[in-house]
Protein backbone atom coordinates (compact mmCIF):
# COMPACT_ATOMS: atom_id res chain seq x y z
CA MET A 1 33.76 -58.22 76.57
CA LEU A 2 36.47 -55.95 77.99
CA PHE A 3 35.88 -54.46 81.43
CA PHE A 4 37.05 -50.92 82.08
CA VAL A 5 33.88 -49.96 83.94
CA ASN A 6 35.41 -49.61 87.42
CA ASP A 7 38.36 -50.61 89.60
CA TYR A 8 36.51 -53.18 91.71
CA CYS A 9 35.15 -55.59 89.08
CA GLU A 10 37.63 -58.34 90.04
CA GLY A 11 38.27 -60.14 93.31
CA ALA A 12 41.57 -59.61 95.10
CA HIS A 13 45.30 -59.70 94.57
CA GLU A 14 46.72 -63.21 94.51
CA SER A 15 48.86 -62.68 97.62
CA ILE A 16 45.74 -61.82 99.62
CA LEU A 17 43.81 -64.80 98.29
CA SER A 18 46.76 -67.10 98.95
CA ARG A 19 47.10 -65.95 102.55
CA LEU A 20 43.34 -66.17 103.17
CA THR A 21 43.49 -69.76 101.94
CA ARG A 22 46.53 -70.62 104.08
CA GLU A 23 44.95 -69.16 107.22
CA ASN A 24 41.37 -70.16 106.50
CA THR A 25 41.17 -72.65 109.36
CA CYS A 26 43.08 -70.56 111.91
CA LYS A 27 40.95 -69.76 114.93
CA ARG A 28 40.96 -66.12 116.03
CA PRO A 29 38.85 -63.88 118.28
CA GLY A 30 36.26 -61.67 116.63
CA TYR A 31 35.70 -58.03 115.73
CA GLY A 32 39.33 -57.20 114.98
CA SER A 33 40.74 -58.08 118.38
CA ASP A 34 43.27 -60.53 116.89
CA GLU A 35 47.01 -60.43 116.29
CA VAL A 36 46.83 -60.06 112.51
CA CYS A 37 44.70 -56.89 112.81
CA ALA A 38 47.23 -55.56 115.30
CA SER A 39 50.04 -56.31 112.85
CA ALA A 40 48.22 -54.56 109.99
CA LYS A 41 47.58 -51.49 112.13
CA GLU A 42 51.22 -51.25 113.11
CA LYS A 43 52.30 -51.46 109.47
CA ILE A 44 49.90 -48.65 108.58
CA ARG A 45 51.24 -46.53 111.46
CA ARG A 46 54.78 -46.99 110.15
CA ALA A 47 53.72 -46.10 106.62
CA CYS A 48 52.01 -42.97 107.97
CA GLU A 49 55.00 -42.13 110.20
CA SER A 50 52.41 -41.70 112.94
CA PRO A 51 53.20 -44.05 115.85
CA ASP A 52 50.22 -42.90 117.92
CA ALA A 53 47.62 -43.09 115.15
CA GLN A 54 44.41 -44.92 115.97
CA ILE A 55 43.28 -47.27 113.20
CA TYR A 56 40.02 -49.09 112.69
CA PHE A 57 38.75 -51.38 109.94
CA ALA A 58 35.30 -51.15 108.34
CA VAL A 59 33.59 -53.26 105.70
CA GLY A 60 32.99 -50.71 102.93
CA GLY A 61 33.38 -47.18 101.68
CA THR A 62 29.86 -45.84 102.23
CA GLN A 63 29.75 -47.24 105.77
CA THR A 64 33.16 -45.68 106.45
CA ASN A 65 32.12 -42.23 105.24
CA GLN A 66 28.85 -42.37 107.10
CA LEU A 67 30.24 -43.50 110.45
CA VAL A 68 33.21 -41.10 110.44
CA LEU A 69 31.07 -38.08 109.60
CA ASP A 70 28.23 -39.04 111.92
CA THR A 71 30.51 -39.65 114.90
CA MET A 72 32.60 -36.51 114.41
CA LEU A 73 29.70 -34.10 113.82
CA GLN A 74 27.41 -32.59 116.40
CA PRO A 75 23.66 -33.10 115.76
CA TYR A 76 23.30 -29.50 114.55
CA GLU A 77 26.27 -29.66 112.17
CA GLY A 78 26.62 -30.48 108.49
CA VAL A 79 29.57 -31.40 106.30
CA VAL A 80 30.96 -29.27 103.48
CA ALA A 81 31.72 -31.05 100.19
CA VAL A 82 31.94 -30.09 96.54
CA GLN A 83 28.86 -30.67 94.38
CA THR A 84 30.54 -33.62 92.65
CA GLY A 85 31.71 -35.16 95.93
CA HIS A 86 30.87 -38.81 96.47
CA ILE A 87 28.76 -38.16 99.57
CA ALA A 88 26.80 -35.47 97.69
CA LEU A 89 26.01 -37.59 94.63
CA HIS A 90 26.59 -41.32 94.86
CA GLU A 91 25.85 -42.52 98.38
CA ALA A 92 22.04 -42.51 98.25
CA GLY A 93 21.74 -39.83 100.91
CA ALA A 94 23.64 -41.95 103.47
CA ILE A 95 24.96 -38.85 105.25
CA GLU A 96 21.56 -37.14 105.31
CA TYR A 97 20.11 -40.40 106.63
CA THR A 98 22.10 -39.81 109.83
CA GLY A 99 20.58 -36.33 110.18
CA HIS A 100 23.54 -34.34 108.85
CA LYS A 101 23.15 -32.05 105.85
CA VAL A 102 25.71 -32.02 103.04
CA LEU A 103 26.58 -28.36 102.32
CA THR A 104 27.95 -28.05 98.80
CA LEU A 105 30.48 -25.82 97.05
CA PRO A 106 31.36 -25.63 93.35
CA ALA A 107 33.83 -28.26 92.13
CA HIS A 108 36.89 -27.33 90.10
CA GLU A 109 37.80 -30.49 88.20
CA GLY A 110 36.47 -32.30 91.24
CA LYS A 111 38.38 -30.25 93.81
CA MET A 112 37.48 -27.78 96.53
CA ILE A 113 39.17 -24.37 96.69
CA SER A 114 40.12 -23.08 100.13
CA SER A 115 39.01 -19.49 99.42
CA GLU A 116 35.49 -20.67 98.55
CA LEU A 117 35.39 -22.79 101.69
CA GLU A 118 36.38 -19.77 103.76
CA SER A 119 33.72 -17.62 102.09
CA LEU A 120 31.03 -20.19 102.89
CA VAL A 121 31.98 -20.39 106.56
CA ARG A 122 32.52 -16.65 106.96
CA ASP A 123 29.18 -15.84 105.33
CA PHE A 124 27.50 -18.34 107.64
CA TYR A 125 28.79 -16.68 110.80
CA GLU A 126 28.08 -13.17 109.48
CA ASP A 127 24.43 -14.09 109.03
CA GLU A 128 22.54 -12.88 112.11
CA ASN A 129 20.23 -15.87 111.82
CA HIS A 130 22.98 -18.50 111.80
CA GLU A 131 21.80 -19.98 115.11
CA HIS A 132 18.76 -21.20 113.19
CA MET A 133 20.81 -22.80 110.42
CA VAL A 134 22.89 -25.93 109.90
CA PHE A 135 26.40 -25.21 111.16
CA PRO A 136 29.36 -26.18 108.94
CA GLY A 137 31.22 -28.58 111.20
CA MET A 138 33.42 -30.64 108.93
CA VAL A 139 34.99 -30.72 105.48
CA TYR A 140 34.85 -33.79 103.24
CA LEU A 141 37.35 -34.26 100.42
CA SER A 142 38.22 -37.29 98.34
CA HIS A 143 41.73 -37.99 97.14
CA PRO A 144 41.72 -38.81 94.27
CA THR A 145 38.54 -36.89 93.51
CA GLU A 146 35.58 -38.27 91.59
CA TYR A 147 37.30 -36.94 88.46
CA GLY A 148 40.59 -38.67 89.22
CA THR A 149 42.32 -35.38 90.04
CA LEU A 150 44.61 -34.87 93.03
CA TYR A 151 45.15 -32.28 95.72
CA THR A 152 48.66 -30.95 96.18
CA LYS A 153 50.19 -30.69 99.63
CA GLU A 154 49.83 -26.91 99.38
CA GLU A 155 46.14 -27.13 98.48
CA LEU A 156 45.37 -29.52 101.33
CA SER A 157 47.40 -27.40 103.77
CA SER A 158 45.42 -24.33 102.72
CA ILE A 159 42.13 -26.11 103.40
CA ARG A 160 43.53 -27.27 106.75
CA GLU A 161 44.30 -23.65 107.65
CA VAL A 162 40.69 -22.64 106.99
CA CYS A 163 39.48 -25.56 109.10
CA ASP A 164 41.74 -24.50 111.97
CA ARG A 165 40.61 -20.89 111.71
CA TYR A 166 36.93 -21.81 112.07
CA GLY A 167 37.12 -24.97 114.19
CA LEU A 168 36.17 -27.42 111.43
CA ARG A 169 37.33 -31.01 111.23
CA LEU A 170 38.83 -32.40 108.01
CA PHE A 171 38.14 -35.86 106.60
CA VAL A 172 39.67 -37.25 103.40
CA ASP A 173 37.98 -40.18 101.69
CA GLY A 174 40.77 -42.39 100.34
CA ALA A 175 38.67 -45.04 98.61
CA ARG A 176 41.09 -44.82 95.64
CA LEU A 177 44.08 -43.64 97.65
CA ALA A 178 46.52 -46.16 96.16
CA TYR A 179 46.03 -44.55 92.75
CA GLY A 180 46.79 -41.15 94.24
CA LEU A 181 49.92 -42.36 96.01
CA GLY A 182 51.15 -43.95 92.77
CA ALA A 183 50.48 -40.98 90.49
CA GLU A 184 53.40 -39.34 88.75
CA GLY A 185 54.20 -35.91 90.17
CA THR A 186 52.14 -36.18 93.35
CA ASP A 187 53.60 -34.58 96.48
CA LEU A 188 50.92 -35.78 98.92
CA PHE A 189 51.69 -38.99 100.78
CA LEU A 190 50.47 -40.94 103.81
CA PRO A 191 52.51 -38.99 106.41
CA ASP A 192 51.05 -35.73 105.03
CA LEU A 193 47.50 -37.06 105.31
CA ALA A 194 48.13 -38.25 108.87
CA ARG A 195 49.47 -34.80 109.80
CA LEU A 196 46.85 -32.66 108.04
CA CYS A 197 43.61 -34.64 108.47
CA ASP A 198 41.55 -35.28 111.56
CA ALA A 199 40.71 -38.58 109.87
CA PHE A 200 41.24 -40.24 106.51
CA SER A 201 40.45 -43.59 104.99
CA ILE A 202 42.63 -46.04 103.11
CA GLY A 203 40.55 -47.88 100.54
CA GLY A 204 40.98 -51.59 100.06
CA THR A 205 37.84 -52.42 98.05
CA LYS A 206 39.01 -50.56 94.93
CA CYS A 207 42.71 -51.22 95.42
CA GLY A 208 43.42 -54.94 95.58
CA ALA A 209 41.39 -56.21 98.54
CA LEU A 210 38.22 -58.27 98.40
CA PHE A 211 36.57 -55.58 100.51
CA GLY A 212 37.26 -53.23 103.38
CA GLU A 213 38.60 -49.81 104.34
CA ALA A 214 40.95 -48.64 107.07
CA VAL A 215 40.20 -45.44 109.01
CA VAL A 216 43.18 -43.51 110.36
CA PHE A 217 42.99 -40.92 113.13
CA GLY A 218 46.44 -39.37 113.12
CA LYS A 219 45.94 -35.77 114.22
CA GLY A 220 43.86 -36.53 117.28
CA PRO A 221 41.94 -39.31 119.01
CA ALA A 222 39.04 -41.17 117.47
CA PRO A 223 35.54 -40.27 118.67
CA SER A 224 34.58 -41.84 121.97
CA ARG A 225 33.48 -45.49 121.81
CA PHE A 226 34.28 -45.58 118.12
CA LEU A 227 34.24 -49.40 117.89
CA THR A 228 30.72 -49.39 119.31
CA ARG A 229 29.69 -46.72 116.82
CA ILE A 230 31.14 -48.80 113.97
CA LYS A 231 28.83 -51.62 115.02
CA GLN A 232 25.85 -49.27 115.22
CA HIS A 233 26.50 -48.29 111.61
CA GLY A 234 26.63 -51.90 110.41
CA ALA A 235 30.29 -51.61 109.46
CA LEU A 236 31.87 -53.95 112.03
CA LEU A 237 32.84 -57.39 110.75
CA ALA A 238 32.58 -60.31 113.16
CA LYS A 239 35.38 -62.08 111.29
CA GLY A 240 37.56 -58.99 111.62
CA TRP A 241 40.71 -60.96 110.88
CA LEU A 242 39.57 -61.12 107.23
CA LEU A 243 40.19 -57.38 107.05
CA GLY A 244 43.37 -57.65 109.08
CA ILE A 245 44.91 -60.18 106.69
CA GLN A 246 44.07 -58.07 103.66
CA PHE A 247 45.60 -54.87 105.00
CA ASP A 248 48.55 -56.75 106.47
CA GLU A 249 49.31 -57.96 102.96
CA LEU A 250 48.61 -54.62 101.28
CA PHE A 251 51.09 -52.92 103.61
CA SER A 252 53.81 -55.54 103.17
CA ASP A 253 56.59 -54.90 100.64
CA ASP A 254 54.87 -51.69 99.44
CA LEU A 255 52.17 -53.76 97.70
CA TYR A 256 49.50 -51.07 98.12
CA VAL A 257 51.59 -48.41 96.40
CA ARG A 258 52.84 -50.83 93.73
CA LEU A 259 49.26 -51.72 92.78
CA GLY A 260 48.47 -48.04 92.40
CA LEU A 261 51.57 -47.46 90.30
CA HIS A 262 50.58 -50.29 87.95
CA ALA A 263 47.07 -48.93 87.31
CA ASP A 264 48.31 -45.35 86.91
CA ARG A 265 50.98 -46.38 84.40
CA LEU A 266 48.40 -48.14 82.21
CA ALA A 267 46.03 -45.16 82.49
CA ASP A 268 48.83 -42.82 81.40
CA LYS A 269 49.44 -45.03 78.37
CA LEU A 270 45.72 -45.03 77.55
CA ARG A 271 45.48 -41.22 77.82
CA ALA A 272 48.50 -40.72 75.56
CA CYS A 273 47.10 -43.08 72.93
CA LEU A 274 43.66 -41.46 73.03
CA VAL A 275 45.18 -38.06 72.35
CA GLN A 276 47.37 -39.51 69.60
CA LYS A 277 44.28 -41.03 67.96
CA GLY A 278 42.47 -37.68 68.03
CA TYR A 279 40.04 -38.30 70.88
CA ARG A 280 39.16 -35.40 73.20
CA LEU A 281 39.74 -35.83 76.93
CA LEU A 282 37.21 -34.24 79.28
CA LEU A 283 40.15 -33.37 81.51
CA THR A 284 43.59 -34.75 82.24
CA SER A 285 43.94 -36.61 85.51
CA PRO A 286 47.12 -38.29 86.73
CA THR A 287 45.36 -41.34 88.19
CA ASN A 288 43.52 -44.43 87.00
CA GLN A 289 40.34 -42.72 85.80
CA VAL A 290 40.34 -41.66 82.14
CA LEU A 291 37.50 -39.39 80.98
CA VAL A 292 37.03 -39.10 77.23
CA VAL A 293 34.35 -37.45 75.08
CA LEU A 294 32.76 -39.59 72.35
CA GLN A 295 30.13 -38.98 69.73
CA ASN A 296 27.00 -40.86 70.79
CA GLN A 297 27.30 -43.14 67.76
CA GLN A 298 30.90 -43.98 68.72
CA MET A 299 29.78 -44.70 72.28
CA GLU A 300 27.06 -47.08 71.11
CA GLN A 301 29.51 -48.94 68.87
CA LEU A 302 32.07 -49.19 71.66
CA ALA A 303 29.48 -50.49 74.13
CA SER A 304 29.10 -53.70 72.13
CA LYS A 305 32.69 -54.65 72.95
CA VAL A 306 33.73 -52.73 76.07
CA ARG A 307 32.15 -52.07 79.45
CA PHE A 308 32.75 -48.48 80.57
CA SER A 309 30.95 -45.90 82.75
CA PHE A 310 28.66 -43.14 81.59
CA TRP A 311 30.00 -39.90 83.02
CA GLU A 312 28.04 -36.88 81.80
CA LYS A 313 26.41 -35.39 78.73
CA THR A 314 28.66 -32.80 77.11
CA GLY A 315 26.34 -31.92 74.23
CA PRO A 316 23.28 -33.15 72.33
CA ASP A 317 25.38 -35.51 70.21
CA GLU A 318 28.27 -36.37 72.53
CA THR A 319 28.89 -37.94 75.91
CA ALA A 320 31.80 -38.14 78.33
CA ILE A 321 32.56 -41.69 79.44
CA ARG A 322 35.04 -43.11 81.92
CA PHE A 323 37.57 -45.87 81.49
CA CYS A 324 39.01 -47.21 84.75
CA THR A 325 42.23 -49.14 84.96
CA SER A 326 42.89 -51.08 88.14
CA TRP A 327 45.40 -53.14 90.06
CA ALA A 328 44.24 -56.12 87.95
CA THR A 329 44.25 -54.55 84.46
CA THR A 330 46.71 -56.27 82.13
CA GLU A 331 48.77 -54.95 79.25
CA GLU A 332 46.80 -57.32 77.02
CA ASP A 333 43.50 -55.77 78.15
CA LEU A 334 44.80 -52.31 77.34
CA ASP A 335 46.18 -53.32 73.94
CA ARG A 336 42.81 -54.84 72.99
CA LEU A 337 41.02 -51.65 74.05
CA LEU A 338 43.38 -49.50 72.01
CA GLU A 339 42.86 -51.73 68.98
CA ILE A 340 39.07 -51.34 69.28
CA LEU A 341 39.41 -47.58 69.66
């Protein structure tokens, strides 16, 4: 059975596993207060060209999103996201569980448009009853989006301008950030994110690590007592050096970006071959997620040989599915998939 169902169905890159094995019996203090976490944070600061950035490690993506939004929002505030945003659809109400409402906007191939964000906030403040409503306090974006699409620097800057105009904070979920950084034609890189976002995450779980995310506060300080808040949210690892080693490796010799480049290159090859074979793409993304429309009978036949993700129904007799390449996908895997298709 071929696995193209997601980008976290395998363990970790060999350099991470090798180093974890070499340093398995090293004794270090807990909760990220060790020298390897400090080294990883400094490497991330250099990559972000943000020497004063504050960086924290957390165990997973949902915990990261929840703790960042909860600690940066006031109790009466909600977070604005598109309807297809991860926090709006696929996190089991984790944000609402903290008491913060997710305020949704239409998605345009997974992306938010700054003019629609401004209309939402302006309409809120023009409502004479807004003191009785949930205040928009923050904007949540993911880069890449749930559809594998990317924001341009201009698009993100435009959203930043709206945030500044109305006093909103901006958070970018980078669970798949490596695949955005490695995409052909992108003009949005780590220094841009550090400059434009109040906070953003760098995903390890889906991009070569066993687990873990890094949170970067580049534009301003982290919320007060953020380490304590990480623990309250169940996202603080006692063996914090496990996260430190993984990110220290990912940010050595451009490994993080190289892993993204590899997955994106294979996804580009898959997209080109699908089009050549007459398949219809749901949309064209430049990253590792490939969305293709199949007749239901085709989908059932394919499912006997390939694991993929259901995406959405596009008609009574057809369905959009997702193939995901990853840091671990091989040329042989892709060639076998293309032969089956």
